Amino acid sequence: MSKQVSNFLNKVKVETNHTKDHNSRNKEDKGTKRKVHTIITFSNYRKNSTNVTFWKVVNRKITHPTVRAHFWQDSGIKLDFPQAPLVDYGNADGPIWLPSELAKVIPG
């Protein structure tokens, strides 16, 4: 992605709704939480959900799943566009990668 496009999209707010809402009043279908995030940056050229990994702890063991595998295993989400760039809405501690197909740009 070009630097100009990245700078233009920097600080754009996006909404996600893929996280399960365990506090939902509906006991049968918990529904999803809507969250708003600010884009920090995007993945580098040729980096996408099929080849970007991160560490996480599962059953007291450190694993390194791809972003694609994480969304499939944790949320049951099969990505339609796994080669699309990733959105980073992380912080000073590091990136938090989100497949761009799961981010809805908020007007304004």
Foldseek 3Di string as FASTA:
>chain_A
DDPVVFVVQAFFKWKFWQAFQPPAPDPVGRGTDIDIFGFHGKDDPQDFQVPQWDWDADPNDIDTHGNQVCCCVPRVDHDPCRRAIWTFRDDPVDTDTDHPVRIHTDDD
